[in-house]
Protein backbone atom coordinates (compact mmCIF):
# COMPACT_ATOMS: atom_id res chain seq x y z
CA UNK A 1 -123.61 19.06 56.39
CA UNK A 2 -122.03 21.99 54.63
CA UNK A 3 -121.47 25.47 56.16
CA UNK A 4 -124.36 27.17 54.42
CA UNK A 5 -126.89 24.52 55.51
CA UNK A 6 -125.53 24.72 59.15
CA UNK A 7 -125.96 28.53 59.14
CA UNK A 8 -129.55 28.18 57.92
CA UNK A 9 -130.40 25.49 60.44
CA UNK A 10 -128.89 27.61 63.25
CA UNK A 11 -130.88 30.66 62.12
CA UNK A 12 -134.06 28.61 62.32
CA UNK A 13 -133.22 27.34 65.78
CA UNK A 14 -132.59 30.85 67.08
CA UNK A 15 -135.83 32.20 65.58
CA UNK A 16 -138.06 29.24 66.61
CA UNK A 17 -136.51 27.90 69.75
CA UNK A 18 -134.22 30.64 71.02
CA UNK A 19 -131.31 28.22 70.76
CA UNK A 20 -127.91 28.26 69.04
CA UNK A 21 -124.70 26.25 68.93
CA UNK A 22 -121.35 28.04 69.11
CA UNK A 23 -118.18 26.29 67.96
CA UNK A 24 -114.86 27.29 69.53
CA UNK A 25 -111.44 25.73 70.11
CA UNK A 26 -112.25 25.34 73.79
CA UNK A 27 -115.50 23.48 73.13
CA UNK A 28 -119.01 23.64 71.57
CA UNK A 29 -121.61 25.36 73.65
CA UNK A 30 -125.31 25.14 73.12
CA UNK A 31 -127.08 28.36 74.17
CA UNK A 32 -130.71 28.15 75.29
CA UNK A 33 -132.75 31.22 76.08
CA UNK A 34 -135.73 31.05 78.44
CA UNK A 35 -137.70 34.30 78.08
CA UNK A 36 -141.12 35.73 78.77
CA UNK A 37 -143.75 33.23 80.08
CA UNK A 38 -142.97 29.55 80.52
CA UNK A 39 -145.79 28.01 78.50
CA UNK A 40 -147.26 24.78 79.77
CA UNK A 41 -150.43 22.94 78.87
CA UNK A 42 -152.36 26.13 78.22
CA UNK A 43 -151.40 28.11 75.06
CA UNK A 44 -150.59 31.74 75.77
CA UNK A 45 -151.75 34.69 73.66
CA UNK A 46 -149.90 35.06 70.35
CA UNK A 47 -148.88 38.54 71.52
CA UNK A 48 -147.00 37.18 74.53
CA UNK A 49 -143.32 36.20 74.57
CA UNK A 50 -143.20 32.57 75.61
CA UNK A 51 -140.83 29.63 76.10
CA UNK A 52 -142.63 26.41 75.14
CA UNK A 53 -141.67 23.42 77.25
CA UNK A 54 -142.43 20.99 74.40
CA UNK A 55 -139.63 22.64 72.48
CA UNK A 56 -137.15 22.89 75.33
CA UNK A 57 -137.32 19.34 76.63
CA UNK A 58 -136.26 17.59 73.40
CA UNK A 59 -133.55 20.27 72.88
CA UNK A 60 -132.12 19.43 76.25
CA UNK A 61 -132.18 15.73 75.50
CA UNK A 62 -130.33 16.49 72.22
CA UNK A 63 -127.70 18.49 74.07
CA UNK A 64 -127.09 15.71 76.56
CA UNK A 65 -126.75 13.01 73.91
CA UNK A 66 -124.96 14.91 71.17
CA UNK A 67 -121.26 14.33 70.63
CA UNK A 68 -121.04 17.76 68.95
CA UNK A 69 -122.10 19.60 72.14
CA UNK A 70 -119.72 20.01 75.10
CA UNK A 71 -121.73 22.33 77.33
CA UNK A 72 -124.95 24.24 77.93
CA UNK A 73 -125.51 27.89 78.59
CA UNK A 74 -128.96 28.94 79.83
CA UNK A 75 -129.83 32.63 79.45
CA UNK A 76 -132.81 33.65 81.64
CA UNK A 77 -135.11 36.67 81.42
CA UNK A 78 -138.53 35.28 82.45
CA UNK A 79 -141.48 36.45 84.46
CA UNK A 80 -142.33 32.84 85.35
CA UNK A 81 -145.29 30.86 84.18
CA UNK A 82 -146.57 27.26 84.33
CA UNK A 83 -145.21 25.56 87.45
CA UNK A 84 -145.25 22.01 86.05
CA UNK A 85 -143.54 23.04 82.83
CA UNK A 86 -140.95 25.14 84.63
CA UNK A 87 -140.09 22.43 87.15
CA UNK A 88 -139.91 19.85 84.29
CA UNK A 89 -137.36 21.93 82.42
CA UNK A 90 -135.41 22.61 85.65
CA UNK A 91 -135.27 18.93 86.45
CA UNK A 92 -133.98 18.15 82.93
CA UNK A 93 -131.17 20.70 83.33
CA UNK A 94 -130.26 19.50 86.77
CA UNK A 95 -130.13 15.90 85.62
CA UNK A 96 -127.69 16.54 82.74
CA UNK A 97 -124.12 15.36 82.89
CA UNK A 98 -122.76 17.91 80.43
CA UNK A 99 -121.10 21.10 81.80
CA UNK A 100 -123.63 23.86 82.27
CA UNK A 101 -124.11 27.37 83.59
CA UNK A 102 -127.12 29.69 83.87
CA UNK A 103 -127.14 33.48 83.67
CA UNK A 104 -130.06 35.58 84.96
CA UNK A 105 -130.40 38.74 82.84
CA UNK A 106 -133.17 41.22 83.57
CA UNK A 107 -135.29 38.84 85.65
CA UNK A 108 -135.65 35.23 86.86
CA UNK A 109 -139.00 35.51 88.58
CA UNK A 110 -141.32 32.95 90.14
CA UNK A 111 -140.74 29.54 88.52
CA UNK A 112 -137.69 31.15 86.94
CA UNK A 113 -135.98 30.71 90.31
CA UNK A 114 -135.73 26.87 90.05
CA UNK A 115 -134.62 27.30 86.45
CA UNK A 116 -131.84 29.66 87.51
CA UNK A 117 -130.31 27.21 90.05
CA UNK A 118 -130.69 24.08 87.93
CA UNK A 119 -127.35 24.34 86.13
CA UNK A 120 -124.06 23.20 87.61
CA UNK A 121 -123.08 26.87 88.12
CA UNK A 122 -125.36 29.94 88.30
CA UNK A 123 -124.66 33.66 87.61
CA UNK A 124 -126.72 36.79 87.90
CA UNK A 125 -126.18 40.18 86.37
CA UNK A 126 -125.81 42.99 88.99
CA UNK A 127 -129.05 44.64 87.86
CA UNK A 128 -131.10 41.44 87.50
CA UNK A 129 -134.03 40.67 89.86
CA UNK A 130 -135.68 37.51 91.13
CA UNK A 131 -139.10 37.32 92.68
CA UNK A 132 -139.82 34.64 95.33
CA UNK A 133 -143.47 34.20 96.24
CA UNK A 134 -146.04 31.50 97.15
CA UNK A 135 -147.69 29.27 94.56
CA UNK A 136 -150.45 30.97 92.62
CA UNK A 137 -153.17 29.51 90.38
CA UNK A 138 -155.20 31.40 87.82
CA UNK A 139 -158.72 30.39 86.89
CA UNK A 140 -161.31 28.59 88.95
CA UNK A 141 -160.20 27.53 92.44
CA UNK A 142 -162.29 25.07 94.46
CA UNK A 143 -162.44 26.25 98.10
CA UNK A 144 -161.85 22.93 99.73
CA UNK A 145 -159.04 21.71 102.03
CA UNK A 146 -157.68 19.33 99.30
CA UNK A 147 -156.98 22.36 97.08
CA UNK A 148 -154.95 24.09 99.78
CA UNK A 149 -153.09 20.86 100.47
CA UNK A 150 -152.17 20.72 96.78
CA UNK A 151 -150.84 24.25 97.00
CA UNK A 152 -148.67 23.27 99.96
CA UNK A 153 -147.31 20.18 98.25
CA UNK A 154 -146.55 22.07 95.06
CA UNK A 155 -144.83 24.82 97.08
CA UNK A 156 -142.80 22.14 98.89
CA UNK A 157 -141.66 20.64 95.59
CA UNK A 158 -140.27 24.08 94.55
CA UNK A 159 -138.64 24.66 97.90
CA UNK A 160 -136.96 21.26 97.92
CA UNK A 161 -135.65 21.69 94.37
CA UNK A 162 -134.25 25.15 95.11
CA UNK A 163 -132.49 24.19 98.36
CA UNK A 164 -131.19 20.97 96.80
CA UNK A 165 -129.61 22.82 93.87
CA UNK A 166 -128.33 25.92 95.53
CA UNK A 167 -126.67 26.94 98.77
CA UNK A 168 -129.82 28.74 100.06
CA UNK A 169 -131.22 27.69 103.49
CA UNK A 170 -134.78 26.40 103.66
CA UNK A 171 -135.75 28.95 106.36
CA UNK A 172 -134.39 31.84 104.35
CA UNK A 173 -136.33 30.79 101.24
CA UNK A 174 -139.57 30.39 103.22
CA UNK A 175 -139.07 33.75 104.89
CA UNK A 176 -138.70 35.52 101.56
CA UNK A 177 -141.59 33.58 100.04
CA UNK A 178 -144.01 34.58 102.83
CA UNK A 179 -142.81 38.18 103.34
CA UNK A 180 -145.80 40.54 103.69
CA UNK A 181 -144.15 43.96 103.85
CA UNK A 182 -142.25 44.24 100.56
CA UNK A 183 -144.66 43.69 97.56
CA UNK A 184 -147.57 46.13 97.41
CA UNK A 185 -150.79 44.09 97.76
CA UNK A 186 -148.96 40.80 97.44
CA UNK A 187 -146.88 38.29 99.40
CA UNK A 188 -143.26 37.57 98.56
CA UNK A 189 -139.93 39.26 98.01
CA UNK A 190 -137.74 40.65 95.18
CA UNK A 191 -133.94 40.18 95.49
CA UNK A 192 -131.26 41.54 93.20
CA UNK A 193 -127.79 40.39 92.05
CA UNK A 194 -125.47 40.63 95.05
CA UNK A 195 -128.29 39.86 97.47
CA UNK A 196 -129.10 36.60 95.64
CA UNK A 197 -125.48 35.54 95.96
CA UNK A 198 -125.16 36.55 99.62
CA UNK A 199 -128.27 34.38 100.36
CA UNK A 200 -126.68 31.44 98.59
CA UNK A 201 -129.37 31.28 95.91
CA UNK A 202 -127.04 32.12 93.04
CA UNK A 203 -123.32 31.18 92.93
CA UNK A 204 -121.81 34.42 91.53
CA UNK A 205 -122.51 37.89 90.18
CA UNK A 206 -121.29 38.08 86.66
CA UNK A 207 -122.02 38.49 82.99
CA UNK A 208 -121.82 36.49 79.75
CA UNK A 209 -118.07 36.23 79.79
CA UNK A 210 -117.98 34.84 83.27
CA UNK A 211 -120.61 32.20 82.48
CA UNK A 212 -118.82 31.06 79.34
CA UNK A 213 -115.46 30.98 81.13
CA UNK A 214 -117.06 28.74 83.79
CA UNK A 215 -118.44 26.35 81.21
CA UNK A 216 -115.12 26.20 79.34
CA UNK A 217 -113.39 25.36 82.65
CA UNK A 218 -115.92 22.58 83.32
CA UNK A 219 -115.31 21.22 79.82
CA UNK A 220 -111.56 21.22 80.36
CA UNK A 221 -111.91 19.42 83.67
CA UNK A 222 -114.30 16.83 82.15
CA UNK A 223 -111.88 16.12 79.33
CA UNK A 224 -109.03 15.67 81.76
CA UNK A 225 -111.07 13.29 83.92
CA UNK A 226 -111.95 11.16 80.87
CA UNK A 227 -108.18 11.16 79.88
CA UNK A 228 -107.09 10.06 83.38
CA UNK A 229 -109.90 7.52 83.54
């Protein structure tokens, strides 16, 4: 593939999927942006910024299998969205063997929280925010005990994923999720850069350079392990 064709393909990937591949001497990093609403089985309005899970899942599979890609950088600025789709993407990232890091820019709200902690290392900009709240469902809700049981089980799935992939304690996450005195007319909490790190939710406060340096260090360590093995 010649250089011009590669540039055209990368331009299409950025425009259609919010993804790009950067080649450097230290390693090749695939950058994936997760922005706006996480779109699941329901198609969002054409006017809404969305991240489509049917695009992201095969991209992640490609990153894991490609010999041309050494690491993954996930850039997050999302308001949340479809729970099943968001958890599916998060599980894919968490299950990858390639070096990875996430960076929360602007916001990593709602189902964006599991996405933020799914990579091997997580970063958050000092001004970025993360909203933690109970499971919500739009549309018709049947007022039966089974429906509330479903909410509880879905909430437990999120809680287990976050605590398994971060240093946050279960009781702290539940406390923030069920806080009643912070959000006007709602239940939940908003935390910011340094607070997210102090709670153990995110690994470090940092920016793009910090996240890239972390991935390059992971790549270096992985190459050394393969050489020694």
